[in-house]
Amino acid sequence: MKTIITAFALLMVVSINAQNFQGKAIYKTSQKSTFKIKDDKSTGMDAAMQEEIRQRFQKMNQKTYILNFDKNTSTYKQEVKLKSPTAAITGKGLRVFSLGSGGDTDIYFKNIQKNTFANKTEIQGKIFLIKDELPKHNWELSSETKNIGQYTCYKATYSKEVEKKKISMVKGEQKEAITKETIVTTAWYTPEIPLTNGPANYQGLPGLILEVNDGKKIIVCTEIILNPKEKITIQEPKKGKVISQKKFDKIRKQKSEEMLEKMKGRNGLDLGNGVNIKFTG
């Protein structure tokens, strides 16, 4: 089955390469919230208030991204929308407030032909430009299919072991536990659009990836526009301090640890996505 799919994709690529091929794919993302607060008198929160906060986190994790692509390059960027002011949730001893944007200025550029990427992102207001080789996913192809919109998609999976850090706040004290777990990522791709590309840092399959699920985050394509009338311009980002992925990961980890230490001293915790929870009782 793998041979048939690959052969079909290669035939389609020959056809597409004869054209000035461009397109746009719209993706919706959602992420499970693991936010929990111990339901006792030390937090002053009941089940209803926890559920309200959980739903608010869930909504913040629902975003729209646009993948602009041609046969060799692409950019993946969050759709920019005007943000309405967010009212604070208040309760006995709890304040939740916004600290900033959630990566809506990031640009992830890929050059599939050169197997490289350039990711413009920032940490605490400092802009970085991560340049490195595209990550290699050891995809296992399957004959299982399903339809996403009008496209027939095939299933592919890969596994990796990652460290999982669990941080909790109990009566103002930070508790941390590190474990290892195996993450299985499932992707659905369509050979009907034979580009070895997809959303975020996913690629390497004989067809455009329309859906990704790693057990926590889901990315689903909701619309595809091929060869639009208005020409798409794909440009590699230039702004930011150039750095490797390995170096950036080290800096991000260091900054996260510094932030957690600061919030620990204030009986609070930064949960990411521009949200901070502070215990004041």
Protein backbone atom coordinates (compact mmCIF):
# COMPACT_ATOMS: atom_id res chain seq x y z
CA MET A 1 0.00 0.00 0.00
CA LYS A 2 2.86 2.36 0.86
CA THR A 3 4.37 1.82 -2.61
CA ILE A 4 1.06 2.55 -4.35
CA ILE A 5 0.53 5.78 -2.40
CA THR A 6 4.08 6.99 -3.03
CA ALA A 7 3.91 6.19 -6.75
CA PHE A 8 0.61 8.03 -7.09
CA ALA A 9 2.04 11.05 -5.30
CA LEU A 10 5.10 11.15 -7.53
CA LEU A 11 2.96 11.10 -10.65
CA MET A 12 0.91 13.99 -9.32
CA VAL A 13 4.04 15.95 -8.43
CA VAL A 14 5.22 15.75 -12.06
CA SER A 15 1.89 17.27 -13.12
CA ILE A 16 2.02 20.03 -10.51
CA ASN A 17 5.64 20.95 -11.21
CA ALA A 18 4.58 21.94 -14.72
CA GLN A 19 2.48 24.71 -13.22
CA ASN A 20 3.13 27.81 -11.15
CA PHE A 21 1.46 26.04 -8.24
CA GLN A 22 0.34 27.94 -5.15
CA GLY A 23 -2.24 27.53 -2.43
CA LYS A 24 -3.59 28.44 0.97
CA ALA A 25 -4.80 26.11 3.74
CA ILE A 26 -6.73 27.29 6.81
CA TYR A 27 -6.20 25.30 10.03
CA LYS A 28 -8.09 25.41 13.33
CA THR A 29 -6.25 24.35 16.48
CA SER A 30 -7.49 23.27 19.89
CA GLN A 31 -5.63 22.07 22.94
CA LYS A 32 -6.70 20.18 26.03
CA SER A 33 -6.34 22.14 29.23
CA THR A 34 -4.77 20.29 32.14
CA PHE A 35 -5.37 23.18 34.52
CA LYS A 36 -6.43 22.03 37.97
CA ILE A 37 -6.64 23.64 41.37
CA LYS A 38 -7.07 21.65 44.53
CA ASP A 39 -10.63 22.14 45.72
CA ASP A 40 -10.12 23.13 49.31
CA LYS A 41 -10.24 26.18 51.58
CA SER A 42 -6.63 27.13 50.79
CA THR A 43 -7.62 28.29 47.28
CA GLY A 44 -11.10 29.60 48.00
CA MET A 45 -12.34 28.09 44.71
CA ASP A 46 -15.33 25.84 44.24
CA ALA A 47 -15.97 23.47 41.32
CA ALA A 48 -18.03 26.05 39.39
CA MET A 49 -15.25 28.65 39.45
CA GLN A 50 -12.65 26.06 38.36
CA GLU A 51 -14.88 25.05 35.44
CA GLU A 52 -15.27 28.69 34.39
CA ILE A 53 -11.49 29.15 34.33
CA ARG A 54 -10.98 25.84 32.52
CA GLN A 55 -13.41 26.90 29.76
CA ARG A 56 -11.63 30.23 29.43
CA PHE A 57 -8.28 28.47 28.99
CA GLN A 58 -9.89 26.14 26.43
CA LYS A 59 -11.13 29.10 24.41
CA MET A 60 -7.70 30.76 24.45
CA ASN A 61 -6.22 27.58 22.96
CA GLN A 62 -8.61 27.65 19.99
CA LYS A 63 -6.80 29.51 17.22
CA THR A 64 -6.75 29.86 13.44
CA TYR A 65 -3.59 29.52 11.33
CA ILE A 66 -2.92 30.07 7.64
CA LEU A 67 -0.46 27.97 5.62
CA ASN A 68 0.57 29.74 2.41
CA PHE A 69 2.49 27.39 0.15
CA ASP A 70 3.99 26.71 -3.24
CA LYS A 71 5.73 23.53 -4.39
CA ASN A 72 8.94 24.28 -2.42
CA THR A 73 8.27 26.84 0.34
CA SER A 74 5.60 27.87 2.84
CA THR A 75 4.77 30.17 5.75
CA TYR A 76 2.58 29.20 8.71
CA LYS A 77 1.17 32.09 10.74
CA GLN A 78 -1.65 32.71 13.18
CA GLU A 79 -4.56 34.67 11.77
CA VAL A 80 -4.53 38.13 13.31
CA LYS A 81 -7.77 39.29 14.90
CA LEU A 82 -8.64 42.29 17.01
CA LYS A 83 -8.79 41.29 20.65
CA SER A 84 -11.52 42.51 22.94
CA PRO A 85 -10.65 43.39 26.54
CA THR A 86 -10.79 40.40 28.88
CA ALA A 87 -12.52 40.86 32.20
CA ALA A 88 -10.70 39.45 35.20
CA ILE A 89 -12.08 36.47 37.06
CA THR A 90 -12.12 37.21 40.74
CA GLY A 91 -12.88 35.11 43.75
CA LYS A 92 -11.68 34.49 47.25
CA GLY A 93 -7.91 34.79 47.05
CA LEU A 94 -7.62 34.42 43.25
CA ARG A 95 -6.86 36.80 40.40
CA VAL A 96 -6.47 35.89 36.72
CA PHE A 97 -5.17 38.49 34.27
CA SER A 98 -3.67 38.74 30.80
CA LEU A 99 0.03 39.40 30.33
CA GLY A 100 0.25 39.72 26.53
CA SER A 101 -0.18 38.05 23.15
CA GLY A 102 0.09 34.34 22.58
CA GLY A 103 2.49 34.07 19.64
CA ASP A 104 0.29 35.78 17.06
CA THR A 105 3.36 37.45 15.48
CA ASP A 106 5.28 34.18 14.98
CA ILE A 107 6.10 33.08 11.43
CA TYR A 108 7.24 29.54 10.61
CA PHE A 109 8.91 29.43 7.18
CA LYS A 110 9.88 26.18 5.48
CA ASN A 111 12.02 25.42 2.45
CA ILE A 112 11.11 21.82 1.67
CA GLN A 113 13.61 21.61 -1.17
CA LYS A 114 16.53 22.64 1.08
CA ASN A 115 15.11 20.85 4.16
CA THR A 116 15.44 24.01 6.29
CA PHE A 117 13.19 26.29 8.32
CA ALA A 118 13.27 29.79 9.81
CA ASN A 119 11.00 30.41 12.78
CA LYS A 120 10.49 34.00 13.93
CA THR A 121 9.31 33.97 17.54
CA GLU A 122 9.90 35.77 20.82
CA ILE A 123 10.50 35.25 24.52
CA GLN A 124 9.56 38.03 26.94
CA GLY A 125 9.64 40.65 24.19
CA LYS A 126 12.96 39.59 22.62
CA ILE A 127 12.67 38.42 19.03
CA PHE A 128 14.55 35.32 17.87
CA LEU A 129 14.97 33.86 14.40
CA ILE A 130 15.51 30.12 14.74
CA LYS A 131 17.25 28.67 11.68
CA ASP A 132 17.88 24.96 11.42
CA GLU A 133 17.13 21.75 9.55
CA LEU A 134 13.53 20.60 9.44
CA PRO A 135 12.75 17.98 12.10
CA LYS A 136 12.62 14.44 10.75
CA HIS A 137 9.59 12.42 11.78
CA ASN A 138 9.81 8.64 11.35
CA TRP A 139 6.35 8.27 9.87
CA GLU A 140 4.70 4.86 9.63
CA LEU A 141 2.23 4.81 6.75
CA SER A 142 -1.11 3.03 6.99
CA SER A 143 -3.76 1.99 4.46
CA GLU A 144 -6.48 3.38 6.74
CA THR A 145 -8.41 6.26 5.14
CA LYS A 146 -11.00 8.89 5.97
CA ASN A 147 -12.43 11.94 4.25
CA ILE A 148 -11.61 15.46 5.36
CA GLY A 149 -13.84 17.74 3.35
CA GLN A 150 -13.64 16.63 -0.28
CA TYR A 151 -10.23 14.98 0.13
CA THR A 152 -9.44 11.31 0.78
CA CYS A 153 -6.78 11.17 3.47
CA TYR A 154 -4.42 8.42 4.62
CA LYS A 155 -3.23 7.82 8.16
CA ALA A 156 0.39 8.07 9.32
CA THR A 157 1.86 7.95 12.83
CA TYR A 158 5.15 8.39 14.67
CA SER A 159 6.20 8.03 18.33
CA LYS A 160 8.71 9.84 20.51
CA GLU A 161 9.63 9.83 24.18
CA VAL A 162 9.49 13.16 26.00
CA GLU A 163 9.99 14.47 29.50
CA LYS A 164 6.83 15.59 31.25
CA LYS A 165 7.07 18.19 33.98
CA LYS A 166 4.16 18.53 36.38
CA ILE A 167 4.09 21.65 38.52
CA SER A 168 1.54 22.19 41.26
CA MET A 169 0.96 24.84 43.90
CA VAL A 170 -0.14 23.55 47.30
CA LYS A 171 -0.71 26.14 50.03
CA GLY A 172 1.67 28.53 48.29
CA GLU A 173 4.44 25.95 47.85
CA GLN A 174 5.57 24.81 44.40
CA LYS A 175 5.76 21.06 43.83
CA GLU A 176 7.52 19.67 40.75
CA ALA A 177 7.67 16.13 39.34
CA ILE A 178 9.39 14.97 36.13
CA THR A 179 8.38 11.78 34.35
CA LYS A 180 8.86 10.31 30.87
CA GLU A 181 6.09 9.37 28.50
CA THR A 182 5.71 8.20 24.90
CA ILE A 183 3.74 10.56 22.66
CA VAL A 184 2.06 9.09 19.57
CA THR A 185 1.29 11.65 16.87
CA THR A 186 -1.30 10.82 14.22
CA ALA A 187 -1.50 12.69 10.92
CA TRP A 188 -3.92 12.47 8.01
CA TYR A 189 -2.56 13.50 4.60
CA THR A 190 -4.01 13.59 1.10
CA PRO A 191 -2.05 12.50 -2.01
CA GLU A 192 -4.57 14.56 -4.00
CA ILE A 193 -2.41 17.55 -3.03
CA PRO A 194 1.04 15.91 -3.35
CA LEU A 195 3.16 18.33 -1.34
CA THR A 196 5.37 16.96 1.42
CA ASN A 197 4.19 19.76 3.67
CA GLY A 198 1.75 20.52 6.46
CA PRO A 199 0.96 22.81 9.40
CA ALA A 200 3.55 23.96 11.97
CA ASN A 201 6.68 21.75 11.82
CA TYR A 202 4.93 18.73 10.32
CA GLN A 203 5.97 17.50 6.87
CA GLY A 204 7.59 14.52 5.15
CA LEU A 205 4.50 12.64 3.90
CA PRO A 206 3.49 12.01 0.26
CA GLY A 207 0.67 14.54 0.44
CA LEU A 208 -0.43 17.70 2.23
CA ILE A 209 -1.18 17.03 5.92
CA LEU A 210 -4.74 18.08 6.75
CA GLU A 211 -4.99 16.90 10.36
CA VAL A 212 -2.60 16.30 13.27
CA ASN A 213 -3.37 14.92 16.74
CA ASP A 214 -0.68 14.33 19.38
CA GLY A 215 -3.15 13.49 22.14
CA LYS A 216 -3.16 17.02 23.54
CA LYS A 217 -3.23 19.33 20.55
CA ILE A 218 -5.41 18.91 17.47
CA ILE A 219 -4.84 20.75 14.18
CA VAL A 220 -7.53 20.40 11.50
CA CYS A 221 -7.68 21.92 8.02
CA THR A 222 -11.04 23.59 7.36
CA GLU A 223 -10.43 25.17 3.95
CA ILE A 224 -8.06 24.84 0.99
CA ILE A 225 -7.67 27.31 -1.86
CA LEU A 226 -5.53 26.14 -4.78
CA ASN A 227 -4.02 28.55 -7.32
CA PRO A 228 -5.93 31.64 -6.09
CA LYS A 229 -6.47 34.53 -8.49
CA GLU A 230 -4.42 36.84 -6.28
CA LYS A 231 -0.79 35.74 -6.27
CA ILE A 232 0.59 34.61 -2.89
CA THR A 233 3.95 36.04 -1.82
CA ILE A 234 5.98 33.74 0.43
CA GLN A 235 8.91 35.41 2.16
CA GLU A 236 11.39 34.09 4.69
CA PRO A 237 11.37 36.17 7.92
CA LYS A 238 14.51 38.24 8.47
CA LYS A 239 13.97 39.98 11.82
CA GLY A 240 15.37 38.56 15.05
CA LYS A 241 18.54 37.19 16.61
CA VAL A 242 19.62 34.17 14.53
CA ILE A 243 19.94 31.07 16.68
CA SER A 244 19.75 27.26 16.38
CA GLN A 245 16.81 25.24 17.67
CA LYS A 246 18.97 23.58 20.33
CA LYS A 247 20.20 26.93 21.64
CA PHE A 248 16.68 28.39 21.61
CA ASP A 249 15.30 25.43 23.58
CA LYS A 250 18.00 26.01 26.21
CA ILE A 251 17.14 29.71 26.51
CA ARG A 252 13.40 29.00 26.68
CA LYS A 253 13.90 26.46 29.45
CA GLN A 254 16.06 28.88 31.41
CA LYS A 255 13.51 31.71 31.06
CA SER A 256 10.67 29.41 32.10
CA GLU A 257 12.55 28.35 35.23
CA GLU A 258 13.29 31.99 36.07
CA MET A 259 9.62 32.91 35.64
CA LEU A 260 8.45 30.02 37.80
CA GLU A 261 10.90 31.03 40.52
CA LYS A 262 9.62 34.62 40.43
CA MET A 263 6.00 33.53 40.60
CA LYS A 264 6.80 31.11 43.38
CA GLY A 265 8.05 34.01 45.47
CA ARG A 266 4.78 35.83 44.84
CA ASN A 267 2.56 32.81 45.50
CA GLY A 268 1.63 32.85 41.84
CA LEU A 269 2.28 30.91 38.65
CA ASP A 270 2.56 31.84 34.97
CA LEU A 271 0.55 29.28 32.96
CA GLY A 272 1.58 30.52 29.50
CA ASN A 273 -0.71 31.80 26.71
CA GLY A 274 -0.61 35.21 28.38
CA VAL A 275 -2.31 34.02 31.58
CA ASN A 276 -1.15 34.32 35.15
CA ILE A 277 -2.78 32.91 38.26
CA LYS A 278 -1.97 34.53 41.58
CA PHE A 279 -3.06 33.33 45.00
CA THR A 280 -3.57 36.21 47.39
CA GLY A 281 -5.23 34.61 50.38
